Amino acid sequence: MKNAVLITLVLFLGGAITAQTGSAVTLNINLHPIQTLKVNTTEVDLVYDTAAKYESGVDVLQPDHLTVSGTAGMVITVKSDGHLMHSGAVGLPDVIAANTIQVAASAGTTNAFSNATYAMPFLSSEEAIILSNSKGGGVRNISITYKGAGANTYNNMALASKVQTVFKTQVTYTVTAQ
């Protein structure tokens, strides 16, 4: 009886031991190139309200003005929709030339690119590069300084009877993979 229990136990335990087989799965990581750009301030004013500003020009720094994200190197360009137009005031020059406004890119105050090349083009209806970077960088910020002309370039362009005369253009930033 002892032998019968032992044989049954060995058969029972031996029957539980079997060879295992497996199956494989292919894991894919599908990386898509991503480039995003957000303008964080939607209106910028260059205010000429003193004789000294007409003489020396006006510049306005917009810290972290652009927030970009990219998985690869990138180029950021700027362009205007054309010259700056006023709101229909009679007796004034029709436009301020876009190329009297400089757009200077620089490292953001937070999350700046570490190896980017920044530029300072004048506005134009043609795209001009303000930043190039050979690597992606996650979310990064870029500061922009808008510089209006000095040397009395805008004299005689404001109506004496108005508090201010406003000339406007749309400025567009574009990011593309490099």
Protein backbone atom coordinates (compact mmCIF):
# COMPACT_ATOMS: atom_id res chain seq x y z
CA MET A 1 0.00 0.00 0.00
CA LYS A 2 2.92 2.27 0.79
CA ASN A 3 4.33 1.58 -2.65
CA ALA A 4 0.96 2.23 -4.30
CA VAL A 5 0.66 5.65 -2.58
CA LEU A 6 4.22 6.52 -3.54
CA ILE A 7 3.67 5.48 -7.18
CA THR A 8 0.40 7.43 -7.30
CA LEU A 9 2.12 10.46 -5.77
CA VAL A 10 5.02 10.23 -8.24
CA LEU A 11 2.58 9.81 -11.15
CA PHE A 12 0.49 12.72 -9.86
CA LEU A 13 3.50 15.01 -9.40
CA GLY A 14 5.16 13.81 -12.59
CA GLY A 15 2.01 14.49 -14.57
CA ALA A 16 2.04 18.12 -13.33
CA ILE A 17 5.44 18.76 -14.85
CA THR A 18 5.04 19.66 -18.52
CA ALA A 19 7.12 21.62 -21.03
CA GLN A 20 5.93 25.19 -21.50
CA THR A 21 5.70 26.88 -24.85
CA GLY A 22 5.48 30.62 -25.52
CA SER A 23 4.46 33.14 -28.07
CA ALA A 24 6.15 36.45 -28.99
CA VAL A 25 4.73 39.91 -29.54
CA THR A 26 6.26 42.77 -31.51
CA LEU A 27 6.22 46.04 -29.63
CA ASN A 28 6.37 49.14 -31.85
CA ILE A 29 6.99 52.68 -30.73
CA ASN A 30 5.60 54.93 -33.46
CA LEU A 31 7.20 58.35 -33.18
CA HIS A 32 5.61 61.14 -35.17
CA PRO A 33 7.35 64.48 -35.61
CA ILE A 34 5.65 67.19 -33.56
CA GLN A 35 6.15 70.94 -33.94
CA THR A 36 3.90 73.37 -32.06
CA LEU A 37 4.07 77.12 -31.53
CA LYS A 38 1.97 79.37 -29.32
CA VAL A 39 2.12 83.17 -29.14
CA ASN A 40 1.55 84.11 -25.50
CA THR A 41 0.74 87.82 -25.99
CA THR A 42 -1.67 88.72 -28.77
CA GLU A 43 -1.12 92.48 -28.95
CA VAL A 44 2.05 94.55 -28.60
CA ASP A 45 2.11 98.36 -28.48
CA LEU A 46 5.11 100.49 -29.44
CA VAL A 47 4.16 103.81 -27.85
CA TYR A 48 5.72 107.04 -29.12
CA ASP A 49 4.59 109.63 -26.57
CA THR A 50 7.69 111.81 -26.07
CA ALA A 51 10.10 113.63 -28.36
CA ALA A 52 12.90 111.43 -27.00
CA LYS A 53 11.08 108.27 -28.15
CA TYR A 54 10.60 109.67 -31.67
CA GLU A 55 14.32 110.43 -31.70
CA SER A 56 15.70 107.22 -30.18
CA GLY A 57 13.02 104.69 -31.12
CA VAL A 58 10.96 102.39 -28.95
CA ASP A 59 11.59 98.79 -28.02
CA VAL A 60 9.33 96.50 -26.07
CA LEU A 61 10.55 93.20 -24.63
CA GLN A 62 7.99 90.41 -24.50
CA PRO A 63 9.52 87.79 -22.16
CA ASP A 64 8.60 84.20 -23.09
CA HIS A 65 6.50 85.59 -25.94
CA LEU A 66 6.61 82.30 -27.87
CA THR A 67 6.26 78.78 -26.50
CA VAL A 68 7.37 76.04 -28.87
CA SER A 69 7.64 72.30 -28.68
CA GLY A 70 9.37 70.01 -31.09
CA THR A 71 10.65 66.48 -31.37
CA ALA A 72 13.34 67.42 -33.87
CA GLY A 73 15.39 70.42 -34.91
CA MET A 74 13.35 73.44 -35.92
CA VAL A 75 13.32 76.78 -37.66
CA ILE A 76 11.02 79.59 -36.52
CA THR A 77 10.18 82.37 -38.94
CA VAL A 78 8.36 85.68 -38.68
CA LYS A 79 6.52 87.75 -41.27
CA SER A 80 3.99 90.56 -41.40
CA ASP A 81 0.83 90.78 -43.46
CA GLY A 82 2.33 93.88 -45.02
CA HIS A 83 2.99 97.46 -44.01
CA LEU A 84 1.36 98.94 -40.92
CA MET A 85 -1.92 100.60 -41.87
CA HIS A 86 -3.83 103.27 -39.92
CA SER A 87 -7.52 103.26 -39.18
CA GLY A 88 -8.60 105.52 -42.02
CA ALA A 89 -7.46 108.93 -40.76
CA VAL A 90 -7.57 111.43 -43.63
CA GLY A 91 -4.47 113.50 -44.33
CA LEU A 92 -1.90 110.98 -43.07
CA PRO A 93 0.54 108.80 -44.94
CA ASP A 94 -1.23 105.53 -45.71
CA VAL A 95 1.38 103.22 -44.24
CA ILE A 96 4.37 102.81 -41.99
CA ALA A 97 6.84 100.55 -43.77
CA ALA A 98 7.05 97.15 -42.08
CA ASN A 99 10.83 97.12 -42.50
CA THR A 100 11.14 99.93 -39.94
CA ILE A 101 10.25 97.40 -37.21
CA GLN A 102 12.85 94.91 -36.03
CA VAL A 103 11.91 91.61 -34.36
CA ALA A 104 14.73 90.36 -32.14
CA ALA A 105 14.51 86.81 -30.75
CA SER A 106 16.40 85.80 -27.61
CA ALA A 107 16.44 83.02 -25.03
CA GLY A 108 13.31 82.76 -22.94
CA THR A 109 13.44 83.59 -19.24
CA THR A 110 12.32 80.02 -18.46
CA ASN A 111 12.82 76.77 -20.38
CA ALA A 112 15.18 78.33 -22.91
CA PHE A 113 16.88 76.45 -25.73
CA SER A 114 20.48 75.60 -24.88
CA ASN A 115 21.98 75.65 -28.39
CA ALA A 116 19.68 77.78 -30.53
CA THR A 117 20.80 80.46 -32.96
CA TYR A 118 18.72 83.64 -32.62
CA ALA A 119 18.28 86.39 -35.21
CA MET A 120 16.97 89.99 -35.39
CA PRO A 121 15.33 90.53 -38.79
CA PHE A 122 13.25 93.50 -39.84
CA LEU A 123 9.59 92.81 -40.56
CA SER A 124 8.69 91.93 -44.11
CA SER A 125 5.90 90.15 -45.96
CA GLU A 126 8.51 87.47 -46.65
CA GLU A 127 9.35 84.96 -43.92
CA ALA A 128 12.59 85.65 -42.06
CA ILE A 129 14.29 83.22 -39.67
CA ILE A 130 14.38 84.30 -36.02
CA LEU A 131 15.53 80.98 -34.53
CA SER A 132 17.15 77.78 -35.69
CA ASN A 133 17.94 74.81 -33.49
CA SER A 134 19.37 71.47 -34.59
CA LYS A 135 17.65 69.40 -31.87
CA GLY A 136 14.19 69.04 -30.43
CA GLY A 137 13.83 70.33 -26.96
CA GLY A 138 10.46 69.61 -25.45
CA VAL A 139 8.60 72.76 -24.41
CA ARG A 140 10.82 75.86 -24.77
CA ASN A 141 10.26 79.63 -24.52
CA ILE A 142 11.55 82.43 -26.70
CA SER A 143 11.54 86.10 -25.77
CA ILE A 144 10.91 88.69 -28.49
CA THR A 145 11.84 92.37 -28.53
CA TYR A 146 9.93 94.56 -30.98
CA LYS A 147 12.01 97.61 -31.97
CA GLY A 148 10.46 100.61 -33.69
CA ALA A 149 12.51 103.10 -35.65
CA GLY A 150 14.08 106.21 -34.18
CA ALA A 151 15.62 109.22 -35.97
CA ASN A 152 12.16 110.84 -36.13
CA THR A 153 11.07 108.30 -38.77
CA TYR A 154 7.44 108.54 -37.68
CA ASN A 155 7.22 112.35 -37.37
CA ASN A 156 4.22 113.89 -39.16
CA MET A 157 2.35 110.58 -39.05
CA ALA A 158 -0.03 111.39 -36.18
CA LEU A 159 -3.07 113.64 -36.40
CA ALA A 160 -2.78 116.66 -34.12
CA SER A 161 -6.48 116.50 -33.31
CA LYS A 162 -6.43 112.91 -32.00
CA VAL A 163 -5.06 111.50 -28.77
CA GLN A 164 -3.23 108.87 -30.82
CA THR A 165 -3.09 107.45 -34.32
CA VAL A 166 -2.69 103.68 -34.48
CA PHE A 167 -0.98 101.85 -37.36
CA LYS A 168 -1.37 98.04 -37.35
CA THR A 169 -0.22 94.89 -39.07
CA GLN A 170 -0.59 91.20 -38.29
CA VAL A 171 2.65 89.41 -37.38
CA THR A 172 2.77 85.64 -37.95
CA TYR A 173 5.25 83.17 -36.49
CA THR A 174 5.74 79.73 -38.05
CA VAL A 175 7.66 76.67 -36.84
CA THR A 176 8.90 73.95 -39.20
CA ALA A 177 11.04 70.88 -38.66
CA GLN A 178 14.66 71.20 -39.67
